[in-house]
Amino acid sequence: MSVFRRFFQVPADEKRLFLEAVFFLYYSKVLFLIFPFRFCIGKLKPAARMDGAPDPEVVSKIRLAVSRANRLAFWKNICLVKSFAARLMLQRRQIGSTLYLGLQFKEGKELVAHAWLRVGDFFVTPKLSNRYKEIFSI
């Protein structure tokens, strides 16, 4: 089945979320390419200022939209870009979330960085491994 045919079979609210995810993935990628990290992080509101109740259905739809948009992106997105885009989508809906940055030693020599996003106990972008040690959260 073609991509376009599948797109038209998806409900309208999921289409809007998909298009929003494409926009925020592109926005996040450009932001991280042009500006320093501290400026990019300044675009995020603290989670304490967002008082919207996290609706599990909305959060899972945002997770799905970011995943779908990432598959169709013609550029390679790293975990930080995906987490940042999902955080901006949640921020628009006043849903508080926590963006984590972590490190892990791979084979005892190499440091590997990873970013993930959580809303309560739900991972919007996956942590992938419990071996990542959190070094920063916002």
N, C-alpha and C. Protein backbone atom coordinates (compact mmCIF):
# COMPACT_ATOMS: atom_id res chain seq x y z
N MET A 1 0.85 -1.18 0.00
CA MET A 1 0.00 0.00 0.00
C MET A 1 0.89 1.24 0.00
N SER A 2 0.53 2.21 -0.80
CA SER A 2 1.36 3.40 -0.92
C SER A 2 1.26 4.26 0.34
N VAL A 3 2.24 5.10 0.52
CA VAL A 3 2.29 6.00 1.67
C VAL A 3 1.10 6.96 1.64
N PHE A 4 0.79 7.46 0.46
CA PHE A 4 -0.31 8.42 0.35
C PHE A 4 -1.66 7.78 0.68
N ARG A 5 -1.87 6.56 0.23
CA ARG A 5 -3.13 5.87 0.51
C ARG A 5 -3.27 5.64 2.01
N ARG A 6 -2.19 5.21 2.65
CA ARG A 6 -2.24 5.01 4.11
C ARG A 6 -2.49 6.31 4.83
N PHE A 7 -1.88 7.40 4.34
CA PHE A 7 -2.06 8.71 4.96
C PHE A 7 -3.52 9.12 4.95
N PHE A 8 -4.22 8.90 3.85
CA PHE A 8 -5.61 9.30 3.75
C PHE A 8 -6.55 8.40 4.54
N GLN A 9 -6.09 7.22 4.95
CA GLN A 9 -6.91 6.33 5.76
C GLN A 9 -6.78 6.63 7.26
N VAL A 10 -5.80 7.41 7.64
CA VAL A 10 -5.58 7.76 9.04
C VAL A 10 -6.60 8.83 9.44
N PRO A 11 -7.13 8.78 10.67
CA PRO A 11 -8.09 9.80 11.12
C PRO A 11 -7.49 11.22 11.06
N ALA A 12 -8.36 12.20 10.95
CA ALA A 12 -7.94 13.60 10.76
C ALA A 12 -7.08 14.12 11.91
N ASP A 13 -7.41 13.77 13.15
CA ASP A 13 -6.61 14.27 14.28
C ASP A 13 -5.19 13.70 14.25
N GLU A 14 -5.03 12.47 13.80
CA GLU A 14 -3.69 11.89 13.69
C GLU A 14 -2.91 12.51 12.53
N LYS A 15 -3.61 12.90 11.47
CA LYS A 15 -2.95 13.60 10.36
C LYS A 15 -2.39 14.94 10.83
N ARG A 16 -3.20 15.67 11.60
CA ARG A 16 -2.74 16.97 12.12
C ARG A 16 -1.52 16.78 13.03
N LEU A 17 -1.58 15.77 13.88
CA LEU A 17 -0.44 15.50 14.76
C LEU A 17 0.80 15.11 13.96
N PHE A 18 0.61 14.34 12.91
CA PHE A 18 1.72 13.94 12.05
C PHE A 18 2.37 15.16 11.41
N LEU A 19 1.56 16.04 10.84
CA LEU A 19 2.10 17.24 10.19
C LEU A 19 2.79 18.15 11.21
N GLU A 20 2.22 18.24 12.41
CA GLU A 20 2.85 19.01 13.48
C GLU A 20 4.19 18.38 13.87
N ALA A 21 4.24 17.07 13.92
CA ALA A 21 5.49 16.37 14.27
C ALA A 21 6.55 16.61 13.20
N VAL A 22 6.16 16.58 11.93
CA VAL A 22 7.12 16.86 10.85
C VAL A 22 7.68 18.27 11.03
N PHE A 23 6.79 19.23 11.30
CA PHE A 23 7.25 20.60 11.49
C PHE A 23 8.22 20.70 12.66
N PHE A 24 7.85 20.14 13.82
CA PHE A 24 8.71 20.27 15.00
C PHE A 24 10.01 19.48 14.88
N LEU A 25 10.00 18.37 14.16
CA LEU A 25 11.26 17.66 13.91
C LEU A 25 12.20 18.53 13.07
N TYR A 26 11.65 19.14 12.03
CA TYR A 26 12.46 20.01 11.18
C TYR A 26 12.93 21.23 11.98
N TYR A 27 12.03 21.85 12.73
CA TYR A 27 12.36 23.02 13.55
C TYR A 27 13.47 22.68 14.55
N SER A 28 13.33 21.55 15.22
CA SER A 28 14.33 21.14 16.22
C SER A 28 15.68 20.88 15.57
N LYS A 29 15.67 20.21 14.44
CA LYS A 29 16.92 19.90 13.74
C LYS A 29 17.65 21.19 13.34
N VAL A 30 16.93 22.13 12.75
CA VAL A 30 17.52 23.40 12.34
C VAL A 30 18.01 24.18 13.56
N LEU A 31 17.22 24.18 14.62
CA LEU A 31 17.59 24.90 15.84
C LEU A 31 18.92 24.38 16.39
N PHE A 32 19.06 23.05 16.46
CA PHE A 32 20.30 22.47 17.00
C PHE A 32 21.49 22.66 16.07
N LEU A 33 21.24 22.77 14.77
CA LEU A 33 22.34 22.99 13.82
C LEU A 33 22.86 24.42 13.87
N ILE A 34 21.97 25.37 14.13
CA ILE A 34 22.35 26.78 14.05
C ILE A 34 22.77 27.37 15.40
N PHE A 35 22.05 27.03 16.45
CA PHE A 35 22.26 27.69 17.74
C PHE A 35 22.93 26.78 18.75
N PRO A 36 23.57 27.39 19.76
CA PRO A 36 24.18 26.58 20.83
C PRO A 36 23.10 25.90 21.68
N PHE A 37 23.50 24.83 22.34
CA PHE A 37 22.58 24.02 23.12
C PHE A 37 21.85 24.83 24.18
N ARG A 38 22.54 25.72 24.88
CA ARG A 38 21.89 26.49 25.96
C ARG A 38 20.77 27.38 25.42
N PHE A 39 20.91 27.88 24.19
CA PHE A 39 19.86 28.67 23.58
C PHE A 39 18.65 27.78 23.26
N CYS A 40 18.92 26.60 22.73
CA CYS A 40 17.84 25.66 22.37
C CYS A 40 17.04 25.24 23.59
N ILE A 41 17.73 24.93 24.66
CA ILE A 41 17.05 24.51 25.90
C ILE A 41 16.21 25.65 26.45
N GLY A 42 16.63 26.88 26.19
CA GLY A 42 15.86 28.05 26.63
C GLY A 42 14.48 28.14 26.00
N LYS A 43 14.25 27.44 24.91
CA LYS A 43 12.95 27.42 24.24
C LYS A 43 11.93 26.56 24.99
N LEU A 44 12.39 25.75 25.94
CA LEU A 44 11.49 24.87 26.69
C LEU A 44 11.02 25.55 27.97
N LYS A 45 9.74 25.41 28.24
CA LYS A 45 9.21 25.90 29.51
C LYS A 45 9.47 24.86 30.59
N PRO A 46 9.70 25.28 31.82
CA PRO A 46 9.82 24.30 32.90
C PRO A 46 8.52 23.51 33.06
N ALA A 47 8.64 22.24 33.36
CA ALA A 47 7.46 21.37 33.48
C ALA A 47 6.51 21.85 34.56
N ALA A 48 7.03 22.50 35.59
CA ALA A 48 6.19 22.97 36.68
C ALA A 48 5.21 24.05 36.22
N ARG A 49 5.54 24.77 35.15
CA ARG A 49 4.67 25.84 34.64
C ARG A 49 3.56 25.30 33.74
N MET A 50 3.64 24.03 33.38
CA MET A 50 2.60 23.43 32.52
C MET A 50 1.68 22.61 33.40
N ASP A 51 0.44 23.05 33.48
CA ASP A 51 -0.47 22.43 34.44
C ASP A 51 -1.52 21.53 33.80
N GLY A 52 -1.40 21.26 32.52
CA GLY A 52 -2.37 20.37 31.86
C GLY A 52 -2.24 18.94 32.35
N ALA A 53 -3.38 18.30 32.53
CA ALA A 53 -3.37 16.91 32.96
C ALA A 53 -2.94 16.03 31.79
N PRO A 54 -1.98 15.14 32.02
CA PRO A 54 -1.51 14.29 30.92
C PRO A 54 -2.52 13.22 30.56
N ASP A 55 -3.22 13.43 29.45
CA ASP A 55 -4.16 12.45 28.94
C ASP A 55 -3.35 11.35 28.24
N PRO A 56 -3.40 10.11 28.73
CA PRO A 56 -2.59 9.04 28.15
C PRO A 56 -2.83 8.83 26.65
N GLU A 57 -4.05 9.06 26.20
CA GLU A 57 -4.35 8.88 24.78
C GLU A 57 -3.63 9.93 23.92
N VAL A 58 -3.65 11.18 24.39
CA VAL A 58 -2.98 12.25 23.65
C VAL A 58 -1.47 12.02 23.64
N VAL A 59 -0.92 11.63 24.77
CA VAL A 59 0.53 11.39 24.87
C VAL A 59 0.94 10.25 23.94
N SER A 60 0.16 9.18 23.91
CA SER A 60 0.54 8.07 23.03
C SER A 60 0.36 8.44 21.56
N LYS A 61 -0.62 9.29 21.23
CA LYS A 61 -0.77 9.75 19.85
C LYS A 61 0.40 10.64 19.43
N ILE A 62 0.89 11.45 20.35
CA ILE A 62 2.06 12.28 20.05
C ILE A 62 3.28 11.39 19.83
N ARG A 63 3.42 10.37 20.66
CA ARG A 63 4.53 9.43 20.49
C ARG A 63 4.46 8.77 19.11
N LEU A 64 3.29 8.33 18.71
CA LEU A 64 3.10 7.70 17.41
C LEU A 64 3.37 8.68 16.27
N ALA A 65 2.91 9.92 16.42
CA ALA A 65 3.11 10.93 15.36
C ALA A 65 4.58 11.23 15.16
N VAL A 66 5.34 11.36 16.24
CA VAL A 66 6.78 11.63 16.13
C VAL A 66 7.48 10.44 15.49
N SER A 67 7.08 9.25 15.86
CA SER A 67 7.67 8.04 15.28
C SER A 67 7.39 7.95 13.77
N ARG A 68 6.14 8.20 13.39
CA ARG A 68 5.78 8.17 11.97
C ARG A 68 6.51 9.25 11.18
N ALA A 69 6.54 10.46 11.71
CA ALA A 69 7.20 11.57 11.01
C ALA A 69 8.69 11.31 10.88
N ASN A 70 9.28 10.71 11.88
CA ASN A 70 10.71 10.42 11.83
C ASN A 70 11.04 9.40 10.74
N ARG A 71 10.16 8.43 10.53
CA ARG A 71 10.40 7.44 9.48
C ARG A 71 10.38 8.06 8.09
N LEU A 72 9.58 9.11 7.91
CA LEU A 72 9.47 9.73 6.60
C LEU A 72 10.40 10.93 6.41
N ALA A 73 11.11 11.32 7.44
CA ALA A 73 12.02 12.46 7.31
C ALA A 73 13.18 12.09 6.39
N PHE A 74 13.57 13.01 5.54
CA PHE A 74 14.68 12.75 4.63
C PHE A 74 16.03 13.04 5.27
N TRP A 75 16.03 13.54 6.49
CA TRP A 75 17.24 13.78 7.26
C TRP A 75 17.28 12.80 8.42
N LYS A 76 18.45 12.56 8.96
CA LYS A 76 18.59 11.62 10.08
C LYS A 76 18.42 12.39 11.39
N ASN A 77 17.46 11.96 12.18
CA ASN A 77 17.22 12.59 13.47
C ASN A 77 17.83 11.75 14.57
N ILE A 78 18.52 12.40 15.46
CA ILE A 78 19.04 11.72 16.63
C ILE A 78 18.01 11.81 17.75
N CYS A 79 18.25 11.09 18.81
CA CYS A 79 17.30 11.02 19.91
C CYS A 79 17.00 12.39 20.52
N LEU A 80 17.99 13.29 20.53
CA LEU A 80 17.78 14.62 21.10
C LEU A 80 16.76 15.40 20.28
N VAL A 81 16.84 15.33 18.98
CA VAL A 81 15.91 16.04 18.10
C VAL A 81 14.49 15.49 18.28
N LYS A 82 14.36 14.17 18.34
CA LYS A 82 13.03 13.56 18.51
C LYS A 82 12.44 13.92 19.87
N SER A 83 13.24 13.87 20.91
CA SER A 83 12.77 14.20 22.25
C SER A 83 12.37 15.67 22.35
N PHE A 84 13.17 16.53 21.74
CA PHE A 84 12.90 17.96 21.76
C PHE A 84 11.60 18.27 21.01
N ALA A 85 11.41 17.65 19.85
CA ALA A 85 10.19 17.88 19.07
C ALA A 85 8.96 17.41 19.84
N ALA A 86 9.04 16.24 20.45
CA ALA A 86 7.91 15.73 21.24
C ALA A 86 7.64 16.65 22.43
N ARG A 87 8.69 17.16 23.04
CA ARG A 87 8.52 18.07 24.19
C ARG A 87 7.81 19.35 23.75
N LEU A 88 8.16 19.89 22.58
CA LEU A 88 7.49 21.08 22.08
C LEU A 88 6.01 20.81 21.78
N MET A 89 5.71 19.63 21.26
CA MET A 89 4.32 19.27 21.00
C MET A 89 3.53 19.16 22.30
N LEU A 90 4.13 18.57 23.31
CA LEU A 90 3.46 18.47 24.61
C LEU A 90 3.32 19.85 25.26
N GLN A 91 4.34 20.67 25.10
CA GLN A 91 4.34 22.01 25.66
C GLN A 91 3.19 22.84 25.09
N ARG A 92 2.89 22.68 23.80
CA ARG A 92 1.77 23.39 23.17
C ARG A 92 0.44 23.02 23.83
N ARG A 93 0.37 21.81 24.37
CA ARG A 93 -0.87 21.34 25.01
C ARG A 93 -0.83 21.50 26.52
N GLN A 94 0.18 22.21 27.02
CA GLN A 94 0.35 22.45 28.45
C GLN A 94 0.47 21.16 29.25
N ILE A 95 1.09 20.13 28.65
CA ILE A 95 1.30 18.86 29.34
C ILE A 95 2.75 18.83 29.81
N GLY A 96 2.94 18.71 31.10
CA GLY A 96 4.27 18.68 31.68
C GLY A 96 5.00 17.39 31.35
N SER A 97 6.29 17.51 31.05
CA SER A 97 7.12 16.34 30.73
C SER A 97 8.54 16.64 31.17
N THR A 98 9.35 15.61 31.21
CA THR A 98 10.74 15.76 31.60
C THR A 98 11.64 15.21 30.50
N LEU A 99 12.55 16.06 30.04
CA LEU A 99 13.54 15.68 29.04
C LEU A 99 14.82 15.31 29.78
N TYR A 100 15.30 14.11 29.56
CA TYR A 100 16.51 13.62 30.23
C TYR A 100 17.65 13.49 29.23
N LEU A 101 18.83 13.82 29.68
CA LEU A 101 20.05 13.55 28.92
C LEU A 101 20.89 12.62 29.77
N GLY A 102 21.41 11.57 29.16
CA GLY A 102 22.17 10.59 29.92
C GLY A 102 23.39 10.11 29.16
N LEU A 103 24.28 9.47 29.92
CA LEU A 103 25.51 8.90 29.36
C LEU A 103 25.64 7.44 29.79
N GLN A 104 26.34 6.68 28.98
CA GLN A 104 26.63 5.29 29.29
C GLN A 104 28.01 4.95 28.73
N PHE A 105 28.75 4.14 29.46
CA PHE A 105 30.02 3.64 28.95
C PHE A 105 29.74 2.41 28.09
N LYS A 106 30.21 2.43 26.87
CA LYS A 106 30.03 1.30 25.97
C LYS A 106 31.35 0.56 25.89
N GLU A 107 31.31 -0.70 26.23
CA GLU A 107 32.50 -1.55 26.25
C GLU A 107 33.60 -0.98 27.13
N GLY A 108 33.21 -0.23 28.16
CA GLY A 108 34.15 0.27 29.14
C GLY A 108 35.04 1.41 28.68
N LYS A 109 34.99 1.80 27.42
CA LYS A 109 35.90 2.81 26.91
C LYS A 109 35.19 4.02 26.30
N GLU A 110 34.13 3.77 25.59
CA GLU A 110 33.49 4.81 24.81
C GLU A 110 32.25 5.34 25.53
N LEU A 111 32.11 6.66 25.58
CA LEU A 111 30.92 7.29 26.15
C LEU A 111 29.87 7.44 25.07
N VAL A 112 28.64 7.06 25.39
CA VAL A 112 27.52 7.18 24.47
C VAL A 112 26.46 8.04 25.14
N ALA A 113 25.98 9.06 24.44
CA ALA A 113 24.96 9.96 24.98
C ALA A 113 23.59 9.56 24.42
N HIS A 114 22.56 9.87 25.20
CA HIS A 114 21.19 9.56 24.77
C HIS A 114 20.24 10.55 25.43
N ALA A 115 19.13 10.85 24.75
CA ALA A 115 18.08 11.72 25.30
C ALA A 115 16.76 10.97 25.24
N TRP A 116 15.95 11.15 26.27
CA TRP A 116 14.63 10.53 26.28
C TRP A 116 13.66 11.46 26.99
N LEU A 117 12.38 11.24 26.74
CA LEU A 117 11.32 12.11 27.26
C LEU A 117 10.28 11.28 27.97
N ARG A 118 9.89 11.77 29.16
CA ARG A 118 8.88 11.06 29.96
C ARG A 118 7.76 12.00 30.36
N VAL A 119 6.57 11.44 30.39
CA VAL A 119 5.40 12.11 30.97
C VAL A 119 4.92 11.18 32.06
N GLY A 120 5.16 11.56 33.29
CA GLY A 120 4.85 10.66 34.40
C GLY A 120 5.69 9.41 34.30
N ASP A 121 5.03 8.25 34.19
CA ASP A 121 5.74 6.98 34.04
C ASP A 121 5.79 6.51 32.59
N PHE A 122 5.26 7.30 31.67
CA PHE A 122 5.17 6.91 30.26
C PHE A 122 6.34 7.53 29.48
N PHE A 123 7.08 6.68 28.77
CA PHE A 123 8.18 7.16 27.94
C PHE A 123 7.64 7.56 26.57
N VAL A 124 7.75 8.85 26.24
CA VAL A 124 7.32 9.33 24.93
C VAL A 124 8.37 8.97 23.89
N THR A 125 9.62 9.21 24.22
CA THR A 125 10.72 8.69 23.41
C THR A 125 11.49 7.74 24.32
N PRO A 126 11.83 6.57 23.85
CA PRO A 126 12.33 5.51 24.72
C PRO A 126 13.72 5.78 25.32
N LYS A 127 13.92 5.21 26.50
CA LYS A 127 15.21 5.31 27.17
C LYS A 127 16.21 4.31 26.60
N LEU A 128 15.73 3.21 26.05
CA LEU A 128 16.51 2.16 25.40
C LEU A 128 17.25 1.24 26.36
N SER A 129 17.84 1.77 27.40
CA SER A 129 18.61 0.93 28.32
C SER A 129 18.62 1.55 29.70
N ASN A 130 18.64 0.71 30.71
CA ASN A 130 18.73 1.21 32.09
C ASN A 130 20.14 1.59 32.48
N ARG A 131 21.09 1.32 31.60
CA ARG A 131 22.48 1.64 31.91
C ARG A 131 22.84 3.10 31.70
N TYR A 132 21.93 3.87 31.10
CA TYR A 132 22.20 5.30 30.93
C TYR A 132 22.07 5.99 32.28
N LYS A 133 23.06 6.78 32.62
CA LYS A 133 23.05 7.55 33.86
C LYS A 133 22.62 8.96 33.53
N GLU A 134 21.57 9.39 34.18
CA GLU A 134 21.03 10.74 33.95
C GLU A 134 22.04 11.80 34.39
N ILE A 135 22.34 12.73 33.50
CA ILE A 135 23.25 13.83 33.86
C ILE A 135 22.56 15.19 33.85
N PHE A 136 21.40 15.26 33.18
CA PHE A 136 20.69 16.53 33.07
C PHE A 136 19.22 16.24 32.81
N SER A 137 18.35 17.04 33.40
CA SER A 137 16.92 16.92 33.11
C SER A 137 16.29 18.31 33.17
N ILE A 138 15.30 18.49 32.32
CA ILE A 138 14.56 19.76 32.33
C ILE A 138 13.10 19.46 32.01
